Amino acid sequence: MSQLLHFSEHTLQEVALLFMATIYFFRIRWYLGFTLAKERQPPTGLGDTNPKKGSRYSLANIVRPWDMESTRTRPLMYAQFVIFHLGVVASISLSFIIPYSPGLLDSSGFAALLQVLTGAAFVVGVMRIIRRLSDTYIRAISSPDDYFSLILLTAWFAFAFLAAPNDISGGEGILLAYFILTAFFLVYVPFSKISHYLYYPFTRFYLGKHFGRRGVYPIRKKPAYQTGK
């Protein structure tokens, strides 16, 4: 292993991680500094829910596609969402496995699993790029960051797919590109829309708390007049 590859796998990743963690610390601290608005409406509903139930329901909404019309009526879009984010998890995990637990990749089955996840995520990324470019409505609301992030993520999946075997017999170019790209993401993500996941727990918690108080969350499966019987 060359000194450049060793630097890319260790020092570069550690500095980038520390940078991202520092930015996230200050952003969360800033976010928590806001005073929540006082509820002006008294509790409503049938009394079978409350803010705690609403918060739990809202936080778990991501794993219940049947509760959202957008995913219930378009299951393929939800499947793409799951595959894309599993690819993100696999690609991030690989950046820790190669430098710190490379022995895990000695198992051809485990390396193949990572390649299946990152390869499938790459395909979904390409589909999303085409959809963003071809759909008039999505194109109208897309910013340069949307295109840049999506294209870069898709390229990252491709390099993760190629890097998963952790084989430098043919040269170090693939691993170098993968780790440099990973470090770039760690620095770039806190300033991009990709950081939406950081706010998900907060927004879903407060949204669920509010609608739980109003008797809306959890959403009932049948009309209120039937629920009351």
Protein backbone atom coordinates (compact mmCIF):
# COMPACT_ATOMS: atom_id res chain seq x y z
CA MET A 1 0.00 0.00 0.00
CA SER A 2 1.35 3.41 -0.94
CA GLN A 3 1.57 6.28 1.52
CA LEU A 4 -1.05 8.18 -0.47
CA LEU A 5 -3.58 5.35 -0.19
CA HIS A 6 -2.84 4.94 3.53
CA PHE A 7 -3.33 8.68 4.02
CA SER A 8 -6.61 8.58 2.05
CA GLU A 9 -7.97 5.62 4.03
CA HIS A 10 -7.06 6.96 7.47
CA THR A 11 -5.95 10.56 8.04
CA LEU A 12 -8.08 12.08 5.29
CA GLN A 13 -11.22 10.22 6.41
CA GLU A 14 -10.66 11.02 10.09
CA VAL A 15 -10.17 14.73 9.45
CA ALA A 16 -13.25 14.84 7.20
CA LEU A 17 -15.33 12.97 9.80
CA LEU A 18 -14.19 15.36 12.54
CA PHE A 19 -15.09 18.32 10.34
CA MET A 20 -18.57 16.96 9.61
CA ALA A 21 -19.18 16.13 13.29
CA THR A 22 -18.15 19.66 14.30
CA ILE A 23 -20.48 21.30 11.78
CA TYR A 24 -23.34 19.00 12.83
CA PHE A 25 -22.74 19.81 16.50
CA PHE A 26 -23.14 23.53 15.90
CA ARG A 27 -26.11 23.05 13.58
CA ILE A 28 -27.99 20.89 16.10
CA ARG A 29 -27.08 23.30 18.89
CA TRP A 30 -28.49 26.15 16.80
CA TYR A 31 -31.59 24.13 15.98
CA LEU A 32 -32.28 23.31 19.63
CA GLY A 33 -31.90 26.97 20.55
CA PHE A 34 -35.31 27.86 19.09
CA THR A 35 -38.20 28.21 21.51
CA LEU A 36 -41.13 26.06 20.51
CA ALA A 37 -44.36 27.88 19.84
CA LYS A 38 -47.00 27.36 22.48
CA GLU A 39 -49.99 25.25 21.46
CA ARG A 40 -52.94 27.65 21.15
CA GLN A 41 -55.55 25.03 20.34
CA PRO A 42 -56.88 22.79 23.10
CA PRO A 43 -56.50 19.01 22.68
CA THR A 44 -59.02 17.66 20.20
CA GLY A 45 -60.03 14.29 18.83
CA LEU A 46 -61.65 11.28 20.46
CA GLY A 47 -59.19 11.03 23.34
CA ASP A 48 -57.59 7.86 22.00
CA THR A 49 -54.28 9.53 21.19
CA ASN A 50 -51.88 12.08 22.67
CA PRO A 51 -48.61 13.88 21.80
CA LYS A 52 -46.46 10.87 22.75
CA LYS A 53 -48.42 8.46 20.58
CA GLY A 54 -48.40 10.98 17.76
CA SER A 55 -44.62 11.42 17.99
CA ARG A 56 -43.96 7.68 17.94
CA TYR A 57 -46.28 7.27 14.97
CA SER A 58 -44.66 10.13 13.09
CA LEU A 59 -41.09 8.93 13.69
CA ALA A 60 -41.93 5.44 12.41
CA ASN A 61 -43.70 6.79 9.35
CA ILE A 62 -40.70 6.07 7.14
CA VAL A 63 -41.12 2.29 7.55
CA ARG A 64 -44.87 2.36 6.90
CA PRO A 65 -45.26 3.16 3.20
CA TRP A 66 -48.89 2.03 3.31
CA ASP A 67 -49.72 5.03 5.51
CA MET A 68 -48.59 7.60 2.93
CA GLU A 69 -50.53 8.07 -0.28
CA SER A 70 -47.37 8.99 -2.22
CA THR A 71 -45.77 5.62 -1.45
CA ARG A 72 -48.93 3.53 -1.16
CA THR A 73 -49.96 4.36 -4.70
CA ARG A 74 -46.40 4.21 -6.09
CA PRO A 75 -44.65 1.23 -4.47
CA LEU A 76 -41.86 1.30 -7.06
CA MET A 77 -40.82 4.75 -5.86
CA TYR A 78 -40.65 3.50 -2.28
CA ALA A 79 -38.60 0.48 -3.39
CA GLN A 80 -36.18 2.87 -5.10
CA PHE A 81 -35.99 4.92 -1.91
CA VAL A 82 -35.10 1.83 0.15
CA ILE A 83 -32.51 0.56 -2.35
CA PHE A 84 -30.89 3.99 -2.68
CA HIS A 85 -30.49 4.44 1.05
CA LEU A 86 -29.29 0.87 1.61
CA GLY A 87 -26.62 1.70 -0.95
CA VAL A 88 -25.66 4.76 1.11
CA VAL A 89 -25.34 2.62 4.23
CA ALA A 90 -23.26 0.01 2.36
CA SER A 91 -20.96 2.67 0.85
CA ILE A 92 -20.42 4.36 4.22
CA SER A 93 -19.80 1.03 5.93
CA LEU A 94 -17.23 0.12 3.29
CA SER A 95 -15.22 3.25 4.11
CA PHE A 96 -14.78 1.89 7.65
CA ILE A 97 -14.42 -1.77 6.77
CA ILE A 98 -11.52 -1.39 4.31
CA PRO A 99 -9.16 0.51 6.64
CA TYR A 100 -10.18 -1.01 9.99
CA SER A 101 -11.65 -4.47 9.33
CA PRO A 102 -10.43 -5.55 5.89
CA GLY A 103 -10.66 -9.20 6.91
CA LEU A 104 -14.45 -9.00 6.52
CA LEU A 105 -13.93 -8.62 2.78
CA ASP A 106 -12.03 -11.91 2.61
CA SER A 107 -15.48 -13.46 2.50
CA SER A 108 -16.52 -13.33 -1.13
CA GLY A 109 -20.16 -13.51 -0.03
CA PHE A 110 -19.92 -10.36 2.11
CA ALA A 111 -18.06 -8.44 -0.58
CA ALA A 112 -20.67 -9.58 -3.10
CA LEU A 113 -23.47 -8.35 -0.80
CA LEU A 114 -21.88 -4.90 -0.66
CA GLN A 115 -21.58 -4.91 -4.43
CA VAL A 116 -25.21 -5.92 -4.87
CA LEU A 117 -26.34 -3.04 -2.62
CA THR A 118 -24.06 -0.41 -4.14
CA GLY A 119 -24.67 -1.65 -7.69
CA ALA A 120 -28.45 -1.54 -7.22
CA ALA A 121 -28.16 1.94 -5.68
CA PHE A 122 -26.12 3.05 -8.71
CA VAL A 123 -28.89 1.87 -11.06
CA VAL A 124 -31.49 3.72 -8.97
CA GLY A 125 -29.26 6.81 -9.01
CA VAL A 126 -29.13 6.74 -12.80
CA MET A 127 -32.92 6.35 -12.91
CA ARG A 128 -33.32 9.33 -10.60
CA ILE A 129 -31.02 11.47 -12.72
CA ILE A 130 -33.03 10.64 -15.84
CA ARG A 131 -36.30 11.32 -14.02
CA ARG A 132 -35.06 14.66 -12.69
CA LEU A 133 -33.99 15.73 -16.16
CA SER A 134 -37.05 14.46 -18.02
CA ASP A 135 -39.88 15.31 -15.62
CA THR A 136 -41.03 18.88 -16.23
CA TYR A 137 -42.31 19.41 -12.70
CA ILE A 138 -39.29 17.96 -10.91
CA ARG A 139 -36.93 19.88 -13.18
CA ALA A 140 -38.76 23.11 -12.35
CA ILE A 141 -38.13 22.74 -8.60
CA SER A 142 -34.60 21.34 -8.84
CA SER A 143 -31.63 23.41 -7.77
CA PRO A 144 -28.00 23.03 -8.91
CA ASP A 145 -27.30 21.30 -5.60
CA ASP A 146 -29.95 18.67 -6.40
CA TYR A 147 -28.22 17.75 -9.65
CA PHE A 148 -24.70 17.94 -8.24
CA SER A 149 -25.51 15.84 -5.16
CA LEU A 150 -27.39 13.19 -7.11
CA ILE A 151 -24.76 12.82 -9.83
CA LEU A 152 -21.94 12.70 -7.29
CA LEU A 153 -23.77 10.15 -5.13
CA THR A 154 -24.37 7.97 -8.16
CA ALA A 155 -20.67 8.14 -9.08
CA TRP A 156 -19.80 7.31 -5.45
CA PHE A 157 -21.93 4.16 -5.64
CA ALA A 158 -20.04 3.11 -8.77
CA PHE A 159 -16.65 3.54 -7.09
CA ALA A 160 -17.89 1.75 -3.95
CA PHE A 161 -19.02 -1.16 -6.13
CA LEU A 162 -15.57 -1.37 -7.71
CA ALA A 163 -13.75 -0.87 -4.39
CA ALA A 164 -15.65 -3.53 -2.42
CA PRO A 165 -13.27 -6.41 -3.27
CA ASN A 166 -10.42 -4.28 -1.81
CA ASP A 167 -8.05 -5.54 -4.48
CA ILE A 168 -5.03 -3.42 -5.41
CA SER A 169 -3.39 -5.97 -7.69
CA GLY A 170 -4.51 -3.91 -10.68
CA GLY A 171 -3.50 -0.59 -9.12
CA GLU A 172 -4.75 1.73 -6.37
CA GLY A 173 -6.70 4.12 -8.59
CA ILE A 174 -10.19 2.80 -7.73
CA LEU A 175 -9.57 2.82 -3.96
CA LEU A 176 -7.98 6.27 -4.09
CA ALA A 177 -10.93 7.68 -6.04
CA TYR A 178 -13.42 6.06 -3.67
CA PHE A 179 -11.79 7.37 -0.47
CA ILE A 180 -11.14 10.86 -1.86
CA LEU A 181 -14.76 11.04 -3.00
CA THR A 182 -15.92 9.79 0.42
CA ALA A 183 -13.88 12.47 2.19
CA PHE A 184 -15.30 15.12 -0.13
CA PHE A 185 -18.84 14.01 0.74
CA LEU A 186 -18.13 14.19 4.47
CA VAL A 187 -17.10 17.83 4.04
CA TYR A 188 -19.79 18.75 1.51
CA VAL A 189 -22.84 17.01 2.96
CA PRO A 190 -23.40 19.37 5.95
CA PHE A 191 -23.85 22.25 3.49
CA SER A 192 -26.06 20.41 1.00
CA LYS A 193 -29.61 19.10 0.90
CA ILE A 194 -28.23 15.64 1.65
CA SER A 195 -28.13 16.72 5.30
CA HIS A 196 -31.95 16.47 5.42
CA TYR A 197 -31.56 13.24 7.41
CA LEU A 198 -30.12 15.27 10.30
CA TYR A 199 -33.42 17.08 10.75
CA TYR A 200 -35.72 14.13 10.16
CA PRO A 201 -35.97 13.04 13.85
CA PHE A 202 -36.67 16.60 15.01
CA THR A 203 -39.24 17.49 12.38
CA ARG A 204 -41.09 14.18 12.63
CA PHE A 205 -41.09 14.35 16.45
CA TYR A 206 -42.56 17.85 16.62
CA LEU A 207 -45.00 17.20 13.80
CA GLY A 208 -46.24 14.03 15.52
CA LYS A 209 -46.46 15.79 18.86
CA HIS A 210 -48.62 18.55 17.38
CA PHE A 211 -50.95 16.26 15.44
CA GLY A 212 -51.11 13.79 18.30
CA ARG A 213 -52.44 16.59 20.49
CA ARG A 214 -55.00 17.44 17.83
CA GLY A 215 -56.13 13.84 17.59
CA VAL A 216 -54.92 13.37 14.02
CA TYR A 217 -51.91 11.06 14.64
CA PRO A 218 -51.99 8.09 14.61
CA ILE A 219 -54.19 8.18 11.52
CA ARG A 220 -57.32 6.06 11.94
CA LYS A 221 -58.04 3.26 9.53
CA LYS A 222 -61.77 3.90 9.62
CA PRO A 223 -64.08 6.92 10.04
CA ALA A 224 -64.29 8.56 13.44
CA TYR A 225 -67.96 7.74 13.89
CA GLN A 226 -67.11 4.04 13.56
CA THR A 227 -64.14 4.36 15.92
CA GLY A 228 -66.37 5.79 18.62
CA LYS A 229 -68.78 2.85 18.53
